[in-house]
Amino acid sequence: MNALLLLMGGSGERFGGSTPKQFLEVEFESATRPLFEVTARKLLKALPIDIVIFVSPKNTAGSAVVNPVIDRLMADFPQRKMKYAAAGGTRYASFGNGISAAAKFDGVE
């Protein structure tokens, strides 16, 4: 199975502004969507991805923004499996949390 980890745990300090760049809303396919959703949609259309793990902070946007996007993506890409995983304190920890979440699906080693 092909899995994709979307690591979105960064604070966006270098980008500036009050909203991390991954959560900024942009126009895409006649709708306003967070930037990470646009990225996911483009990758899901272009690559043979079976599983997507969205790794994002628990605070601020976190699961409150990510879970509704996962619901929309699962409706549009019903053959794909998707899951939210909480980001860790470092990029390494976030990656580990994403790998652990992906390993819970059958067929992933």
C-alpha atoms as a PDB file:
ATOM      1  CA  MET A   1       0.000   0.000   0.000  1.00  0.00           C
ATOM      2  CA  ASN A   2       1.180   3.496  -0.794  1.00  0.00           C
ATOM      3  CA  ALA A   3       0.903   5.895   2.131  1.00  0.00           C
ATOM      4  CA  LEU A   4       1.317   9.665   2.255  1.00  0.00           C
ATOM      5  CA  LEU A   5       2.098  11.587   5.436  1.00  0.00           C
ATOM      6  CA  LEU A   6       1.144  15.261   5.300  1.00  0.00           C
ATOM      7  CA  LEU A   7       3.125  16.889   8.106  1.00  0.00           C
ATOM      8  CA  MET A   8       1.372  20.122   9.085  1.00  0.00           C
ATOM      9  CA  GLY A   9       2.720  20.689  12.574  1.00  0.00           C
ATOM     10  CA  GLY A  10       4.671  23.855  11.884  1.00  0.00           C
ATOM     11  CA  SER A  11       3.715  27.122  13.522  1.00  0.00           C
ATOM     12  CA  GLY A  12       4.318  29.177  10.364  1.00  0.00           C
ATOM     13  CA  GLU A  13       6.469  31.752  12.177  1.00  0.00           C
ATOM     14  CA  ARG A  14       8.729  32.343   9.161  1.00  0.00           C
ATOM     15  CA  PHE A  15       5.663  32.814   6.948  1.00  0.00           C
ATOM     16  CA  GLY A  16       4.246  35.474   9.260  1.00  0.00           C
ATOM     17  CA  GLY A  17       0.634  36.258  10.048  1.00  0.00           C
ATOM     18  CA  SER A  18      -1.639  34.824  12.676  1.00  0.00           C
ATOM     19  CA  THR A  19      -2.603  31.690  10.714  1.00  0.00           C
ATOM     20  CA  PRO A  20      -0.057  28.975   9.815  1.00  0.00           C
ATOM     21  CA  LYS A  21       0.262  28.794   6.023  1.00  0.00           C
ATOM     22  CA  GLN A  22      -1.088  25.242   5.805  1.00  0.00           C
ATOM     23  CA  PHE A  23      -4.436  26.480   7.150  1.00  0.00           C
ATOM     24  CA  LEU A  24      -4.757  29.575   4.930  1.00  0.00           C
ATOM     25  CA  GLU A  25      -7.878  29.513   2.780  1.00  0.00           C
ATOM     26  CA  VAL A  26      -7.434  29.662  -1.008  1.00  0.00           C
ATOM     27  CA  GLU A  27      -9.775  29.332  -3.973  1.00  0.00           C
ATOM     28  CA  PHE A  28      -9.524  25.908  -5.630  1.00  0.00           C
ATOM     29  CA  GLU A  29     -12.043  24.010  -7.765  1.00  0.00           C
ATOM     30  CA  SER A  30     -14.771  26.640  -7.200  1.00  0.00           C
ATOM     31  CA  ALA A  31     -14.498  26.436  -3.413  1.00  0.00           C
ATOM     32  CA  THR A  32     -12.515  28.015  -0.606  1.00  0.00           C
ATOM     33  CA  ARG A  33     -10.250  25.387   0.942  1.00  0.00           C
ATOM     34  CA  PRO A  34      -7.306  25.276   3.360  1.00  0.00           C
ATOM     35  CA  LEU A  35      -3.980  25.070   1.539  1.00  0.00           C
ATOM     36  CA  PHE A  36      -3.256  21.581   2.915  1.00  0.00           C
ATOM     37  CA  GLU A  37      -6.502  20.316   1.349  1.00  0.00           C
ATOM     38  CA  VAL A  38      -5.477  21.690  -2.039  1.00  0.00           C
ATOM     39  CA  THR A  39      -2.141  19.868  -1.697  1.00  0.00           C
ATOM     40  CA  ALA A  40      -3.875  16.624  -0.695  1.00  0.00           C
ATOM     41  CA  ARG A  41      -6.367  16.830  -3.579  1.00  0.00           C
ATOM     42  CA  LYS A  42      -3.619  17.389  -6.143  1.00  0.00           C
ATOM     43  CA  LEU A  43      -1.559  14.474  -4.811  1.00  0.00           C
ATOM     44  CA  LEU A  44      -4.579  12.155  -4.601  1.00  0.00           C
ATOM     45  CA  LYS A  45      -5.405  12.900  -8.241  1.00  0.00           C
ATOM     46  CA  ALA A  46      -1.833  12.503  -9.455  1.00  0.00           C
ATOM     47  CA  LEU A  47      -0.442   9.553  -7.480  1.00  0.00           C
ATOM     48  CA  PRO A  48      -1.543   6.010  -6.593  1.00  0.00           C
ATOM     49  CA  ILE A  49      -1.942   6.786  -2.885  1.00  0.00           C
ATOM     50  CA  ASP A  50      -3.939   4.331  -0.757  1.00  0.00           C
ATOM     51  CA  ILE A  51      -3.630   5.981   2.658  1.00  0.00           C
ATOM     52  CA  VAL A  52      -3.208   9.611   3.742  1.00  0.00           C
ATOM     53  CA  ILE A  53      -2.263  10.551   7.294  1.00  0.00           C
ATOM     54  CA  PHE A  54      -2.773  14.213   8.180  1.00  0.00           C
ATOM     55  CA  VAL A  55      -0.363  15.106  10.988  1.00  0.00           C
ATOM     56  CA  SER A  56      -1.403  18.376  12.596  1.00  0.00           C
ATOM     57  CA  PRO A  57      -1.319  20.122  15.982  1.00  0.00           C
ATOM     58  CA  LYS A  58      -4.050  19.279  18.478  1.00  0.00           C
ATOM     59  CA  ASN A  59      -4.359  22.936  19.439  1.00  0.00           C
ATOM     60  CA  THR A  60      -5.470  25.952  17.374  1.00  0.00           C
ATOM     61  CA  ALA A  61      -6.639  24.511  14.059  1.00  0.00           C
ATOM     62  CA  GLY A  62      -5.615  20.881  14.532  1.00  0.00           C
ATOM     63  CA  SER A  63      -8.315  18.273  14.360  1.00  0.00           C
ATOM     64  CA  ALA A  64     -11.130  20.862  14.315  1.00  0.00           C
ATOM     65  CA  VAL A  65     -10.008  21.928  10.828  1.00  0.00           C
ATOM     66  CA  VAL A  66      -8.473  18.660   9.644  1.00  0.00           C
ATOM     67  CA  ASN A  67     -11.331  16.238  10.398  1.00  0.00           C
ATOM     68  CA  PRO A  68     -13.952  18.060   8.259  1.00  0.00           C
ATOM     69  CA  VAL A  69     -11.431  18.135   5.396  1.00  0.00           C
ATOM     70  CA  ILE A  70     -10.826  14.401   5.812  1.00  0.00           C
ATOM     71  CA  ASP A  71     -14.607  13.860   5.627  1.00  0.00           C
ATOM     72  CA  ARG A  72     -14.810  15.854   2.354  1.00  0.00           C
ATOM     73  CA  LEU A  73     -11.809  14.071   0.860  1.00  0.00           C
ATOM     74  CA  MET A  74     -13.142  10.644   1.804  1.00  0.00           C
ATOM     75  CA  ALA A  75     -16.435  11.506   0.085  1.00  0.00           C
ATOM     76  CA  ASP A  76     -14.558  12.600  -3.059  1.00  0.00           C
ATOM     77  CA  PHE A  77     -11.970   9.780  -2.949  1.00  0.00           C
ATOM     78  CA  PRO A  78     -13.919   6.873  -1.373  1.00  0.00           C
ATOM     79  CA  GLN A  79     -11.330   4.256  -2.334  1.00  0.00           C
ATOM     80  CA  ARG A  80      -8.684   5.964  -0.172  1.00  0.00           C
ATOM     81  CA  LYS A  81      -8.179   5.630   3.577  1.00  0.00           C
ATOM     82  CA  MET A  82      -7.456   8.711   5.669  1.00  0.00           C
ATOM     83  CA  LYS A  83      -6.730   9.489   9.286  1.00  0.00           C
ATOM     84  CA  TYR A  84      -5.739  12.378  11.559  1.00  0.00           C
ATOM     85  CA  ALA A  85      -2.688  12.042  13.820  1.00  0.00           C
ATOM     86  CA  ALA A  86      -1.559  14.590  16.406  1.00  0.00           C
ATOM     87  CA  ALA A  87       1.736  16.336  15.723  1.00  0.00           C
ATOM     88  CA  GLY A  88       4.580  15.874  18.183  1.00  0.00           C
ATOM     89  CA  GLY A  89       6.904  18.397  19.773  1.00  0.00           C
ATOM     90  CA  THR A  90       9.414  18.052  16.925  1.00  0.00           C
ATOM     91  CA  ARG A  91       9.239  17.193  13.221  1.00  0.00           C
ATOM     92  CA  TYR A  92      10.770  13.802  14.080  1.00  0.00           C
ATOM     93  CA  ALA A  93       8.074  13.112  16.696  1.00  0.00           C
ATOM     94  CA  SER A  94       5.357  14.241  14.264  1.00  0.00           C
ATOM     95  CA  PHE A  95       6.720  11.869  11.615  1.00  0.00           C
ATOM     96  CA  GLY A  96       6.732   9.046  14.179  1.00  0.00           C
ATOM     97  CA  ASN A  97       3.106   9.774  15.124  1.00  0.00           C
ATOM     98  CA  GLY A  98       2.158   9.686  11.436  1.00  0.00           C
ATOM     99  CA  ILE A  99       3.950   6.380  10.878  1.00  0.00           C
ATOM    100  CA  SER A 100       2.229   4.904  13.948  1.00  0.00           C
ATOM    101  CA  ALA A 101      -1.161   6.022  12.638  1.00  0.00           C
ATOM    102  CA  ALA A 102      -0.473   4.546   9.185  1.00  0.00           C
ATOM    103  CA  ALA A 103       0.622   1.224  10.723  1.00  0.00           C
ATOM    104  CA  LYS A 104      -2.880   0.761  12.161  1.00  0.00           C
ATOM    105  CA  PHE A 105      -4.266   0.133   8.674  1.00  0.00           C
ATOM    106  CA  ASP A 106      -4.194  -3.439   7.375  1.00  0.00           C
ATOM    107  CA  GLY A 107      -1.399  -4.143   4.909  1.00  0.00           C
ATOM    108  CA  VAL A 108       0.940  -1.382   6.048  1.00  0.00           C
ATOM    109  CA  GLU A 109       4.346  -2.414   7.330  1.00  0.00           C
END
